Amino acid sequence: MIKKNKTKKIIYSGKPAYGYWMRSASYEIAEIAGLLKSDYVIIDNEHGIHDERTLENLIRIADLSEITPIVRVNENRPIAILKALESGAGGVIIPHIDTPEDAKRAIEAAKFAPEGKRGSGAGRSRGYGVINIPNYYNFANNETMVILLIESALAIENIKEISSIKGVDILHIGPSDLAQSMGFIGEPKHPLVEKAIEKVLIAGKESNIAVGASATDPKSAKERLQQGFLFIPIGQNDLKIFGTAFNKMLEELRQF
């Protein structure tokens, strides 16, 4: 159900917001994010595999845990964006944004008129139509976050135009896919990739739009913060966090 967007408020105050990616369909992990006072959780519906009911329940649990449920949709398509938002997501991360036209399509799908063309239905975001939400359309437009994934060389070429599109809240960098697109597969820290990332930071600053990037641990998160990033998912994803922590324990035990 639409409510004041905690993460959007943090970002627009100029402070960093921290959360993590969810690849699994674990309701417990979604709830733990709230217990640990995370700002948000990103439910990955591009690389993760979630049916519509599971997706809605993950959103519901995050919502009830007082954190912002954000969904990375699997493509820049109105129906994919609509399903996430009608289920109550506070924001969407939209992949494969290469041109300003891609950005415009994303905004149109995520916002109601006059800002966009989002369809109106009595889903969870509207209290299933059984309660009155005053000024719902304006409220939803104001509180919904639109996060665009910048993950290609073409997107870097068009970054100034993309960042100028009204309604964009965050430009989020996908360094691995960006590196691959630039011809540096497996080298997300290549100097030319870092230079491209700096262009996104500059464009975001010029357009007063926050820029995001994931961090593997607190040290790299602090480095991202110093670079100027404000939207910083940490630990890569829930499965990676579990695997890394368990592997560390195993390595310590095997030393005896």
C-alpha atoms as a PDB file:
ATOM      1  CA  MET A   1       0.000   0.000   0.000  1.00  0.00           C
ATOM      2  CA  ILE A   2       1.362   3.445  -0.907  1.00  0.00           C
ATOM      3  CA  LYS A   3       2.784   5.326   2.031  1.00  0.00           C
ATOM      4  CA  LYS A   4       5.420   7.973   2.574  1.00  0.00           C
ATOM      5  CA  ASN A   5       8.592   6.753   0.908  1.00  0.00           C
ATOM      6  CA  LYS A   6      11.286   6.481   3.572  1.00  0.00           C
ATOM      7  CA  THR A   7      14.141   5.956   1.117  1.00  0.00           C
ATOM      8  CA  LYS A   8      13.110   8.780  -1.182  1.00  0.00           C
ATOM      9  CA  LYS A   9      13.012  11.162   1.780  1.00  0.00           C
ATOM     10  CA  ILE A  10      16.526  10.121   2.830  1.00  0.00           C
ATOM     11  CA  ILE A  11      17.953  10.500  -0.672  1.00  0.00           C
ATOM     12  CA  TYR A  12      16.381  13.905  -1.267  1.00  0.00           C
ATOM     13  CA  SER A  13      17.743  15.139   2.068  1.00  0.00           C
ATOM     14  CA  GLY A  14      21.226  14.469   0.695  1.00  0.00           C
ATOM     15  CA  LYS A  15      21.938  11.536   2.997  1.00  0.00           C
ATOM     16  CA  PRO A  16      22.945   8.004   1.954  1.00  0.00           C
ATOM     17  CA  ALA A  17      20.423   5.156   1.987  1.00  0.00           C
ATOM     18  CA  TYR A  18      21.535   1.567   2.557  1.00  0.00           C
ATOM     19  CA  GLY A  19      19.852  -1.730   1.790  1.00  0.00           C
ATOM     20  CA  TYR A  20      20.502  -4.973  -0.042  1.00  0.00           C
ATOM     21  CA  TRP A  21      19.451  -7.002  -3.042  1.00  0.00           C
ATOM     22  CA  MET A  22      17.192 -10.049  -2.699  1.00  0.00           C
ATOM     23  CA  ARG A  23      17.731 -12.848  -5.191  1.00  0.00           C
ATOM     24  CA  SER A  24      15.949 -15.458  -3.082  1.00  0.00           C
ATOM     25  CA  ALA A  25      12.229 -15.700  -2.391  1.00  0.00           C
ATOM     26  CA  SER A  26      12.768 -15.863   1.373  1.00  0.00           C
ATOM     27  CA  TYR A  27      10.072 -14.058   3.318  1.00  0.00           C
ATOM     28  CA  GLU A  28      12.263 -14.337   6.398  1.00  0.00           C
ATOM     29  CA  ILE A  29      15.126 -12.442   4.782  1.00  0.00           C
ATOM     30  CA  ALA A  30      12.756  -9.699   3.655  1.00  0.00           C
ATOM     31  CA  GLU A  31      11.531  -9.407   7.246  1.00  0.00           C
ATOM     32  CA  ILE A  32      15.055  -9.453   8.682  1.00  0.00           C
ATOM     33  CA  ALA A  33      15.896  -6.379   6.606  1.00  0.00           C
ATOM     34  CA  GLY A  34      13.248  -4.510   8.551  1.00  0.00           C
ATOM     35  CA  LEU A  35      14.358  -5.890  11.910  1.00  0.00           C
ATOM     36  CA  LEU A  36      17.875  -4.633  11.173  1.00  0.00           C
ATOM     37  CA  LYS A  37      16.523  -1.174  10.281  1.00  0.00           C
ATOM     38  CA  SER A  38      17.608  -1.307   6.640  1.00  0.00           C
ATOM     39  CA  ASP A  39      16.324   1.613   4.591  1.00  0.00           C
ATOM     40  CA  TYR A  40      15.096  -0.599   1.755  1.00  0.00           C
ATOM     41  CA  VAL A  41      15.313  -4.005   0.175  1.00  0.00           C
ATOM     42  CA  ILE A  42      15.593  -4.525  -3.589  1.00  0.00           C
ATOM     43  CA  ILE A  43      13.633  -7.520  -4.835  1.00  0.00           C
ATOM     44  CA  ASP A  44      15.462  -8.629  -7.964  1.00  0.00           C
ATOM     45  CA  ASN A  45      12.901  -9.730 -10.526  1.00  0.00           C
ATOM     46  CA  GLU A  46      15.387  -9.601 -13.391  1.00  0.00           C
ATOM     47  CA  HIS A  47      18.002 -12.082 -12.195  1.00  0.00           C
ATOM     48  CA  GLY A  48      15.825 -13.545  -9.457  1.00  0.00           C
ATOM     49  CA  ILE A  49      12.900 -15.839 -10.210  1.00  0.00           C
ATOM     50  CA  HIS A  50       9.662 -14.730  -8.551  1.00  0.00           C
ATOM     51  CA  ASP A  51       6.110 -15.382  -9.648  1.00  0.00           C
ATOM     52  CA  GLU A  52       3.564 -12.587  -9.186  1.00  0.00           C
ATOM     53  CA  ARG A  53       2.196 -13.888  -5.872  1.00  0.00           C
ATOM     54  CA  THR A  54       5.672 -14.332  -4.368  1.00  0.00           C
ATOM     55  CA  LEU A  55       6.675 -10.875  -5.546  1.00  0.00           C
ATOM     56  CA  GLU A  56       3.608  -9.298  -3.928  1.00  0.00           C
ATOM     57  CA  ASN A  57       4.231 -11.126  -0.655  1.00  0.00           C
ATOM     58  CA  LEU A  58       7.881 -10.035  -0.543  1.00  0.00           C
ATOM     59  CA  ILE A  59       6.730  -6.452  -1.124  1.00  0.00           C
ATOM     60  CA  ARG A  60       4.067  -6.833   1.565  1.00  0.00           C
ATOM     61  CA  ILE A  61       6.533  -8.133   4.160  1.00  0.00           C
ATOM     62  CA  ALA A  62       9.051  -5.366   3.468  1.00  0.00           C
ATOM     63  CA  ASP A  63       6.276  -2.793   3.589  1.00  0.00           C
ATOM     64  CA  LEU A  64       4.956  -4.077   6.908  1.00  0.00           C
ATOM     65  CA  SER A  65       8.530  -4.146   8.245  1.00  0.00           C
ATOM     66  CA  GLU A  66       8.702  -0.375   7.693  1.00  0.00           C
ATOM     67  CA  ILE A  67      11.317  -0.424   4.938  1.00  0.00           C
ATOM     68  CA  THR A  68      10.923   0.593   1.315  1.00  0.00           C
ATOM     69  CA  PRO A  69      10.222  -2.320  -1.034  1.00  0.00           C
ATOM     70  CA  ILE A  70      11.941  -1.661  -4.356  1.00  0.00           C
ATOM     71  CA  VAL A  71      11.602  -4.013  -7.323  1.00  0.00           C
ATOM     72  CA  ARG A  72      14.066  -4.429 -10.133  1.00  0.00           C
ATOM     73  CA  VAL A  73      11.723  -5.310 -12.974  1.00  0.00           C
ATOM     74  CA  ASN A  74      12.869  -7.657 -15.703  1.00  0.00           C
ATOM     75  CA  GLU A  75      12.429  -5.197 -18.556  1.00  0.00           C
ATOM     76  CA  ASN A  76      11.412  -1.660 -19.453  1.00  0.00           C
ATOM     77  CA  ARG A  77       7.836  -2.621 -20.203  1.00  0.00           C
ATOM     78  CA  PRO A  78       4.660  -0.967 -18.847  1.00  0.00           C
ATOM     79  CA  ILE A  79       3.047  -4.193 -17.608  1.00  0.00           C
ATOM     80  CA  ALA A  80       6.155  -5.259 -15.664  1.00  0.00           C
ATOM     81  CA  ILE A  81       6.391  -1.850 -13.998  1.00  0.00           C
ATOM     82  CA  LEU A  82       2.638  -1.727 -13.333  1.00  0.00           C
ATOM     83  CA  LYS A  83       2.580  -5.157 -11.656  1.00  0.00           C
ATOM     84  CA  ALA A  84       5.338  -4.136  -9.219  1.00  0.00           C
ATOM     85  CA  LEU A  85       3.761  -0.793  -8.352  1.00  0.00           C
ATOM     86  CA  GLU A  86       0.207  -2.115  -7.990  1.00  0.00           C
ATOM     87  CA  SER A  87       1.580  -4.713  -5.580  1.00  0.00           C
ATOM     88  CA  GLY A  88       2.750  -1.836  -3.394  1.00  0.00           C
ATOM     89  CA  ALA A  89       6.391  -1.331  -4.352  1.00  0.00           C
ATOM     90  CA  GLY A  90       7.734   2.054  -3.295  1.00  0.00           C
ATOM     91  CA  GLY A  91      10.022   2.169  -6.291  1.00  0.00           C
ATOM     92  CA  VAL A  92      11.187   0.364  -9.393  1.00  0.00           C
ATOM     93  CA  ILE A  93      14.645  -0.183 -10.819  1.00  0.00           C
ATOM     94  CA  ILE A  94      14.354  -0.363 -14.578  1.00  0.00           C
ATOM     95  CA  PRO A  95      17.103  -2.074 -16.622  1.00  0.00           C
ATOM     96  CA  HIS A  96      18.589  -1.379 -20.027  1.00  0.00           C
ATOM     97  CA  ILE A  97      18.161   2.384 -20.106  1.00  0.00           C
ATOM     98  CA  ASP A  98      20.352   3.393 -23.040  1.00  0.00           C
ATOM     99  CA  THR A  99      18.656   6.492 -24.439  1.00  0.00           C
ATOM    100  CA  PRO A 100      16.487   9.391 -23.252  1.00  0.00           C
ATOM    101  CA  GLU A 101      13.598   7.694 -25.061  1.00  0.00           C
ATOM    102  CA  ASP A 102      14.097   4.634 -22.837  1.00  0.00           C
ATOM    103  CA  ALA A 103      14.006   6.911 -19.792  1.00  0.00           C
ATOM    104  CA  LYS A 104      10.805   8.592 -20.974  1.00  0.00           C
ATOM    105  CA  ARG A 105       9.096   5.216 -21.455  1.00  0.00           C
ATOM    106  CA  ALA A 106      10.083   4.219 -17.930  1.00  0.00           C
ATOM    107  CA  ILE A 107       8.677   7.418 -16.430  1.00  0.00           C
ATOM    108  CA  GLU A 108       5.456   7.128 -18.422  1.00  0.00           C
ATOM    109  CA  ALA A 109       4.919   3.593 -17.137  1.00  0.00           C
ATOM    110  CA  ALA A 110       5.635   4.472 -13.491  1.00  0.00           C
ATOM    111  CA  LYS A 111       3.656   7.714 -13.185  1.00  0.00           C
ATOM    112  CA  PHE A 112      -0.017   8.574 -13.493  1.00  0.00           C
ATOM    113  CA  ALA A 113      -1.182  11.406 -15.749  1.00  0.00           C
ATOM    114  CA  PRO A 114      -0.260  14.143 -16.326  1.00  0.00           C
ATOM    115  CA  GLU A 115       3.328  12.968 -15.669  1.00  0.00           C
ATOM    116  CA  GLY A 116       2.854   9.575 -17.268  1.00  0.00           C
ATOM    117  CA  LYS A 117       0.476   6.906 -18.558  1.00  0.00           C
ATOM    118  CA  ARG A 118       0.348   4.397 -15.702  1.00  0.00           C
ATOM    119  CA  GLY A 119      -2.874   2.449 -15.667  1.00  0.00           C
ATOM    120  CA  SER A 120      -5.203   2.802 -12.690  1.00  0.00           C
ATOM    121  CA  GLY A 121      -6.409  -0.320 -10.917  1.00  0.00           C
ATOM    122  CA  ALA A 122      -7.669  -1.268  -7.464  1.00  0.00           C
ATOM    123  CA  GLY A 123      -4.589  -3.227  -6.446  1.00  0.00           C
ATOM    124  CA  ARG A 124      -2.774  -3.369  -3.146  1.00  0.00           C
ATOM    125  CA  SER A 125      -1.296   0.090  -3.709  1.00  0.00           C
ATOM    126  CA  ARG A 126      -4.819   1.553  -3.540  1.00  0.00           C
ATOM    127  CA  GLY A 127      -5.967  -0.482  -0.581  1.00  0.00           C
ATOM    128  CA  TYR A 128      -7.799  -2.785  -3.007  1.00  0.00           C
ATOM    129  CA  GLY A 129     -10.293   0.014  -3.593  1.00  0.00           C
ATOM    130  CA  VAL A 130     -11.999  -0.484  -0.225  1.00  0.00           C
ATOM    131  CA  ILE A 131     -10.517   2.581   1.485  1.00  0.00           C
ATOM    132  CA  ASN A 132     -10.417   6.186   0.420  1.00  0.00           C
ATOM    133  CA  ILE A 133      -6.932   7.564  -0.216  1.00  0.00           C
ATOM    134  CA  PRO A 134      -7.229  11.359  -0.719  1.00  0.00           C
ATOM    135  CA  ASN A 135      -5.323  12.723  -3.708  1.00  0.00           C
ATOM    136  CA  TYR A 136      -4.066   9.217  -4.435  1.00  0.00           C
ATOM    137  CA  TYR A 137      -2.682   9.899  -7.912  1.00  0.00           C
ATOM    138  CA  ASN A 138      -0.648  12.928  -6.888  1.00  0.00           C
ATOM    139  CA  PHE A 139       0.517  11.135  -3.756  1.00  0.00           C
ATOM    140  CA  ALA A 140       1.626   8.070  -5.724  1.00  0.00           C
ATOM    141  CA  ASN A 141       3.461  10.200  -8.293  1.00  0.00           C
ATOM    142  CA  ASN A 142       5.291  12.066  -5.537  1.00  0.00           C
ATOM    143  CA  GLU A 143       6.261   9.014  -3.481  1.00  0.00           C
ATOM    144  CA  THR A 144       7.120   6.456  -6.174  1.00  0.00           C
ATOM    145  CA  MET A 145      10.840   6.206  -6.911  1.00  0.00           C
ATOM    146  CA  VAL A 146      12.040   5.695 -10.469  1.00  0.00           C
ATOM    147  CA  ILE A 147      15.561   4.309 -10.586  1.00  0.00           C
ATOM    148  CA  LEU A 148      17.220   3.851 -13.968  1.00  0.00           C
ATOM    149  CA  LEU A 149      19.950   1.269 -14.511  1.00  0.00           C
ATOM    150  CA  ILE A 150      22.939   2.653 -16.384  1.00  0.00           C
ATOM    151  CA  GLU A 151      24.817  -0.369 -17.652  1.00  0.00           C
ATOM    152  CA  SER A 152      26.036   0.215 -21.206  1.00  0.00           C
ATOM    153  CA  ALA A 153      28.479   2.305 -23.205  1.00  0.00           C
ATOM    154  CA  LEU A 154      25.520   3.778 -25.115  1.00  0.00           C
ATOM    155  CA  ALA A 155      23.939   4.913 -21.842  1.00  0.00           C
ATOM    156  CA  ILE A 156      27.182   6.694 -20.930  1.00  0.00           C
ATOM    157  CA  GLU A 157      27.144   8.482 -24.303  1.00  0.00           C
ATOM    158  CA  ASN A 158      23.589   9.650 -23.601  1.00  0.00           C
ATOM    159  CA  ILE A 159      23.907  10.221 -19.866  1.00  0.00           C
ATOM    160  CA  LYS A 160      23.355  13.986 -19.928  1.00  0.00           C
ATOM    161  CA  GLU A 161      20.162  13.602 -21.928  1.00  0.00           C
ATOM    162  CA  ILE A 162      18.966  10.677 -19.775  1.00  0.00           C
ATOM    163  CA  SER A 163      19.569  12.584 -16.544  1.00  0.00           C
ATOM    164  CA  SER A 164      17.630  15.578 -17.855  1.00  0.00           C
ATOM    165  CA  ILE A 165      14.356  13.609 -18.107  1.00  0.00           C
ATOM    166  CA  LYS A 166      11.867  14.831 -15.513  1.00  0.00           C
ATOM    167  CA  GLY A 167      10.817  12.204 -12.997  1.00  0.00           C
ATOM    168  CA  VAL A 168      14.104  10.332 -12.636  1.00  0.00           C
ATOM    169  CA  ASP A 169      15.063   9.909  -8.980  1.00  0.00           C
ATOM    170  CA  ILE A 170      18.251   7.850  -9.163  1.00  0.00           C
ATOM    171  CA  LEU A 171      20.750   6.769 -11.794  1.00  0.00           C
ATOM    172  CA  HIS A 172      22.029   3.380 -10.674  1.00  0.00           C
ATOM    173  CA  ILE A 173      25.211   1.997 -12.187  1.00  0.00           C
ATOM    174  CA  GLY A 174      25.659  -1.656 -13.132  1.00  0.00           C
ATOM    175  CA  PRO A 175      29.471  -1.781 -13.296  1.00  0.00           C
ATOM    176  CA  SER A 176      29.850  -5.386 -14.475  1.00  0.00           C
ATOM    177  CA  ASP A 177      27.485  -5.013 -17.429  1.00  0.00           C
ATOM    178  CA  LEU A 178      28.945  -1.580 -18.159  1.00  0.00           C
ATOM    179  CA  ALA A 179      32.454  -3.049 -18.256  1.00  0.00           C
ATOM    180  CA  GLN A 180      31.280  -5.805 -20.596  1.00  0.00           C
ATOM    181  CA  SER A 181      29.589  -3.289 -22.875  1.00  0.00           C
ATOM    182  CA  MET A 182      32.821  -1.282 -23.021  1.00  0.00           C
ATOM    183  CA  GLY A 183      34.877  -4.352 -23.955  1.00  0.00           C
ATOM    184  CA  PHE A 184      36.312  -5.031 -20.493  1.00  0.00           C
ATOM    185  CA  ILE A 185      34.406  -8.153 -19.492  1.00  0.00           C
ATOM    186  CA  GLY A 186      35.144  -9.155 -15.917  1.00  0.00           C
ATOM    187  CA  GLU A 187      36.924  -5.844 -15.232  1.00  0.00           C
ATOM    188  CA  PRO A 188      34.399  -3.552 -13.515  1.00  0.00           C
ATOM    189  CA  LYS A 189      37.248  -1.597 -11.919  1.00  0.00           C
ATOM    190  CA  HIS A 190      39.058  -0.902 -15.194  1.00  0.00           C
ATOM    191  CA  PRO A 191      40.242   2.748 -15.317  1.00  0.00           C
ATOM    192  CA  LEU A 192      38.073   3.506 -18.354  1.00  0.00           C
ATOM    193  CA  VAL A 193      35.025   2.013 -16.622  1.00  0.00           C
ATOM    194  CA  GLU A 194      35.756   4.174 -13.574  1.00  0.00           C
ATOM    195  CA  LYS A 195      36.028   7.169 -15.879  1.00  0.00           C
ATOM    196  CA  ALA A 196      32.617   6.351 -17.365  1.00  0.00           C
ATOM    197  CA  ILE A 197      31.161   6.053 -13.865  1.00  0.00           C
ATOM    198  CA  GLU A 198      32.555   9.488 -13.049  1.00  0.00           C
ATOM    199  CA  LYS A 199      30.583  10.869 -16.005  1.00  0.00           C
ATOM    200  CA  VAL A 200      27.382   9.529 -14.443  1.00  0.00           C
ATOM    201  CA  LEU A 201      28.242  11.173 -11.128  1.00  0.00           C
ATOM    202  CA  ILE A 202      28.853  14.486 -12.876  1.00  0.00           C
ATOM    203  CA  ALA A 203      25.601  14.243 -14.855  1.00  0.00           C
ATOM    204  CA  GLY A 204      23.679  13.389 -11.703  1.00  0.00           C
ATOM    205  CA  LYS A 205      25.140  16.349  -9.860  1.00  0.00           C
ATOM    206  CA  GLU A 206      24.351  18.725 -12.722  1.00  0.00           C
ATOM    207  CA  SER A 207      20.733  17.483 -12.858  1.00  0.00           C
ATOM    208  CA  ASN A 208      20.348  17.205  -9.066  1.00  0.00           C
ATOM    209  CA  ILE A 209      19.740  13.461  -9.314  1.00  0.00           C
ATOM    210  CA  ALA A 210      21.226  10.959  -6.874  1.00  0.00           C
ATOM    211  CA  VAL A 211      23.511   8.251  -8.228  1.00  0.00           C
ATOM    212  CA  GLY A 212      23.639   4.691  -6.937  1.00  0.00           C
ATOM    213  CA  ALA A 213      26.058   1.779  -7.014  1.00  0.00           C
ATOM    214  CA  SER A 214      26.300  -1.453  -5.093  1.00  0.00           C
ATOM    215  CA  ALA A 215      29.125  -2.165  -2.645  1.00  0.00           C
ATOM    216  CA  THR A 216      30.466  -5.541  -1.577  1.00  0.00           C
ATOM    217  CA  ASP A 217      31.250  -4.571   2.038  1.00  0.00           C
ATOM    218  CA  PRO A 218      31.365  -1.564   4.423  1.00  0.00           C
ATOM    219  CA  LYS A 219      34.813  -0.525   3.183  1.00  0.00           C
ATOM    220  CA  SER A 220      33.732  -0.294  -0.453  1.00  0.00           C
ATOM    221  CA  ALA A 221      30.456   1.334   0.641  1.00  0.00           C
ATOM    222  CA  LYS A 222      32.437   4.096   2.356  1.00  0.00           C
ATOM    223  CA  GLU A 223      34.491   4.531  -0.816  1.00  0.00           C
ATOM    224  CA  ARG A 224      31.283   4.877  -2.844  1.00  0.00           C
ATOM    225  CA  LEU A 225      29.983   7.427  -0.367  1.00  0.00           C
ATOM    226  CA  GLN A 226      33.191   9.458  -0.689  1.00  0.00           C
ATOM    227  CA  GLN A 227      32.821   9.366  -4.482  1.00  0.00           C
ATOM    228  CA  GLY A 228      29.388  10.943  -4.171  1.00  0.00           C
ATOM    229  CA  PHE A 229      26.999   7.980  -4.307  1.00  0.00           C
ATOM    230  CA  LEU A 230      23.909   8.128  -2.105  1.00  0.00           C
ATOM    231  CA  PHE A 231      21.988   4.958  -3.011  1.00  0.00           C
ATOM    232  CA  ILE A 232      24.254   2.119  -1.885  1.00  0.00           C
ATOM    233  CA  PRO A 233      23.007  -1.485  -1.680  1.00  0.00           C
ATOM    234  CA  ILE A 234      25.617  -3.484   0.257  1.00  0.00           C
ATOM    235  CA  GLY A 235      26.701  -7.119   0.236  1.00  0.00           C
ATOM    236  CA  GLN A 236      25.694  -7.697  -3.417  1.00  0.00           C
ATOM    237  CA  ASN A 237      22.656  -9.939  -2.664  1.00  0.00           C
ATOM    238  CA  ASP A 238      21.194 -12.098   0.094  1.00  0.00           C
ATOM    239  CA  LEU A 239      22.539 -15.358  -1.353  1.00  0.00           C
ATOM    240  CA  LYS A 240      26.006 -13.879  -1.743  1.00  0.00           C
ATOM    241  CA  ILE A 241      25.905 -12.523   1.822  1.00  0.00           C
ATOM    242  CA  PHE A 242      24.984 -15.970   3.145  1.00  0.00           C
ATOM    243  CA  GLY A 243      27.552 -17.759   1.004  1.00  0.00           C
ATOM    244  CA  THR A 244      30.371 -15.392   1.932  1.00  0.00           C
ATOM    245  CA  ALA A 245      29.624 -15.552   5.662  1.00  0.00           C
ATOM    246  CA  PHE A 246      29.280 -19.345   5.681  1.00  0.00           C
ATOM    247  CA  ASN A 247      32.435 -19.812   3.628  1.00  0.00           C
ATOM    248  CA  LYS A 248      34.375 -17.627   6.072  1.00  0.00           C
ATOM    249  CA  MET A 249      33.246 -19.842   8.977  1.00  0.00           C
ATOM    250  CA  LEU A 250      34.191 -22.990   7.056  1.00  0.00           C
ATOM    251  CA  GLU A 251      37.643 -21.629   6.226  1.00  0.00           C
ATOM    252  CA  GLU A 252      38.262 -20.808   9.887  1.00  0.00           C
ATOM    253  CA  LEU A 253      37.168 -24.274  11.003  1.00  0.00           C
ATOM    254  CA  ARG A 254      39.296 -26.032   8.399  1.00  0.00           C
ATOM    255  CA  GLN A 255      42.410 -24.405   9.797  1.00  0.00           C
ATOM    256  CA  PHE A 256      42.207 -26.586  12.924  1.00  0.00           C
END
